[in-house]
Amino acid sequence: MSEQKKTGYIWIIVVIAAAVVLAVIAVPNSLRFQARSHSRPMVMAEKAAYDEAPAPMPGSTGSGMPMEKTGSGAITERMLIAKVALTVEVKDIKSDVRKAEQIATQFGGYVSGSRIYTEETGSSATLTLMIPINNLDKAVEKIRELGKVRFEQKSTEDVTRQFIDNEARIKNLSKEEEALAALLKRTGKLSDILEVEQELARVRTEIDQIQGEQRYLRQQTSYSTVTLSLTTKPEPPKYEGSPLKIAFFNAWHSFLNTLHGLAVIGMYALFYVPLLLIGFFILRFIIRRIRKKAA
């Protein structure tokens, strides 16, 4: 065998080895991507129950926080939106879901949404509880008694300034609405009347939007959102049969997994080999041309 053929075979072996290496590197990344794509994250069962919530008393936010003066001299309570996230490990999912719902009712709240998941390794549930902010600490303390607390987080957002600014905007827009309504009663050109009507409709729409936002803020500051996740302790898989049988099945599954991995690597290698061979022959052609010119 000539030296040139030996060199060619060596290069082909190097190309195939490089393809296998690239395939091995690409397989874990592909598997991680598939795992992310096909994983079923636990969906947080949060449903907007704004219309179902009891309306707060007029002029009250229910937050029970210190009072604050506005620029106009009016007094308002500090308005806070409180959210709590809890993960509790319990023994019986269905029983403790009912207990959590009873706790919400006991403290004047309600259940906004709930979901129960059943899997081979265990069960879990997610509940969204709306609790009056004055009873939030008591309700959370009661929820902790359901089991072992694995995670707890509380956050608050002060929307007092936003509420006050919205009230001021509504007041100014109401004055503008009155002026436009009075202007509309006067006789004038048809084009002027249409222009006033259009501006009046815009102002009224803006007032409705801000009033809707105010209703939402009142509801959110009157009721705190508690996102409760209930989980059970994962059960280890149970195997039936003698130790020899279990060892045989474990070895068999390991063998099948190895074959599957080799097959996947082979498919990736088949994809990379042609690309590397094309690059190899192009490079070889260029080198030959350079040598001929040099000769």
Foldseek 3Di string as FASTA:
>chain_A
DDPVVVVVVVVLVVLLVVLLVVLVVVVVVVVVVVCVVPDDDDDAWDDDPLVVDDFDDPLALLQPADWDADPVRDIHHWFKQKEKEWEFAAADAVVLVVVLQVLLVVQPKGWRGKDKAQDPQWIKMKTKIWGFNVCVVVSVVVNCVRHPIPDMDMDMDTCRVVLSVLVVLLVVLVVVLVVLVVVLPDDDDPVVNVVSVVVNVVSVVVNVVSVVVNSVSSSSRRIYIYIYMYIYDTDDDDDDDDPVVVVVVVVVVVVVVVVVVVVSSVVSSVVSSVVSVVVVVVVVVVVVVVVVVVD
